[in-house]
Amino acid sequence: MHKKWLPVLLVIVLLALLEAPAFAQGCAMCRTALENSPEGKALAKSFDYGILFLMGIPYAMFGAAGIVVYRAYRKNNSKNPEN
């Protein structure tokens, strides 16, 4: 089962890694365009907060899922002390 999905997973990861610089360039270009226009200077600060928010959400989600799994593991071990 694992050998069947391993090549597919490797191709997906490889494609994602190859496209990462293109995505990062687009983000930097948007910020530069905002900072160069007079009406965009105030908007650039909000853009910074939006980037920080979007970066933090995945960490918060995985952290919450990790806490749930950890608590379930501890609860299961307290019920079965012989493990």
Protein backbone atom coordinates (compact mmCIF):
# COMPACT_ATOMS: atom_id res chain seq x y z
CA MET A 1 0.00 0.00 0.00
CA HIS A 2 2.75 2.47 0.94
CA LYS A 3 4.83 1.62 -2.13
CA LYS A 4 1.86 2.47 -4.33
CA TRP A 5 1.42 6.00 -2.96
CA LEU A 6 5.08 6.88 -2.43
CA PRO A 7 5.84 7.95 -6.05
CA VAL A 8 2.67 10.04 -6.20
CA LEU A 9 3.54 11.74 -2.93
CA LEU A 10 7.10 12.42 -4.07
CA VAL A 11 5.88 14.01 -7.32
CA ILE A 12 3.45 16.25 -5.43
CA VAL A 13 6.14 17.36 -2.96
CA LEU A 14 8.62 17.97 -5.79
CA LEU A 15 6.12 20.08 -7.74
CA ALA A 16 5.26 22.09 -4.62
CA LEU A 17 8.92 22.77 -3.91
CA LEU A 18 9.61 23.83 -7.47
CA GLU A 19 6.70 26.28 -7.48
CA ALA A 20 7.47 27.86 -4.08
CA PRO A 21 9.81 30.59 -5.44
CA ALA A 22 7.16 31.68 -7.94
CA PHE A 23 4.57 32.05 -5.18
CA ALA A 24 6.98 33.98 -2.97
CA GLN A 25 7.87 36.32 -5.83
CA GLY A 26 4.21 37.19 -6.37
CA CYS A 27 3.80 38.09 -2.72
CA ALA A 28 6.88 40.34 -2.77
CA MET A 29 5.69 42.04 -5.95
CA CYS A 30 2.32 42.85 -4.39
CA ARG A 31 4.01 44.41 -1.37
CA THR A 32 6.35 46.47 -3.57
CA ALA A 33 3.44 47.72 -5.64
CA LEU A 34 1.58 48.72 -2.48
CA GLU A 35 4.52 50.61 -1.00
CA ASN A 36 5.26 52.54 -4.21
CA SER A 37 1.80 54.01 -4.63
CA PRO A 38 0.78 56.95 -2.41
CA GLU A 39 -2.58 55.47 -1.44
CA GLY A 40 -1.01 52.06 -0.87
CA LYS A 41 1.36 53.08 1.93
CA ALA A 42 -1.34 52.82 4.58
CA LEU A 43 -2.63 49.65 3.00
CA ALA A 44 0.85 48.09 3.11
CA LYS A 45 0.76 47.93 6.92
CA SER A 46 -2.54 46.05 6.78
CA PHE A 47 -1.02 43.77 4.16
CA ASP A 48 1.79 42.94 6.65
CA TYR A 49 -0.74 41.97 9.30
CA GLY A 50 -2.61 39.83 6.79
CA ILE A 51 0.56 37.95 5.91
CA LEU A 52 1.32 37.31 9.58
CA PHE A 53 -2.23 36.11 10.15
CA LEU A 54 -2.08 33.72 7.20
CA MET A 55 1.29 32.37 8.36
CA GLY A 56 0.06 31.74 11.90
CA ILE A 57 -3.16 29.89 11.17
CA PRO A 58 -1.57 26.60 10.01
CA TYR A 59 0.65 26.50 13.11
CA ALA A 60 -2.36 27.10 15.34
CA MET A 61 -4.36 24.37 13.59
CA PHE A 62 -1.59 21.78 13.79
CA GLY A 63 -0.85 22.76 17.37
CA ALA A 64 -4.49 22.32 18.36
CA ALA A 65 -4.65 18.96 16.58
CA GLY A 66 -1.44 17.89 18.35
CA ILE A 67 -2.89 18.82 21.74
CA VAL A 68 -6.05 16.82 21.01
CA VAL A 69 -4.04 13.76 19.97
CA TYR A 70 -1.73 14.07 22.99
CA ARG A 71 -4.64 14.32 25.43
CA ALA A 72 -6.41 11.37 23.82
CA TYR A 73 -3.19 9.34 24.09
CA ARG A 74 -2.74 10.26 27.75
CA LYS A 75 -6.38 9.47 28.51
CA ASN A 76 -6.11 6.09 26.80
CA ASN A 77 -2.91 5.23 28.70
CA SER A 78 -4.45 6.16 32.05
CA LYS A 79 -7.29 3.69 31.39
CA ASN A 80 -4.87 0.87 30.43
CA PRO A 81 -1.87 1.08 32.81
CA GLU A 82 -0.39 -2.23 31.66
CA ASN A 83 0.65 -0.72 28.25
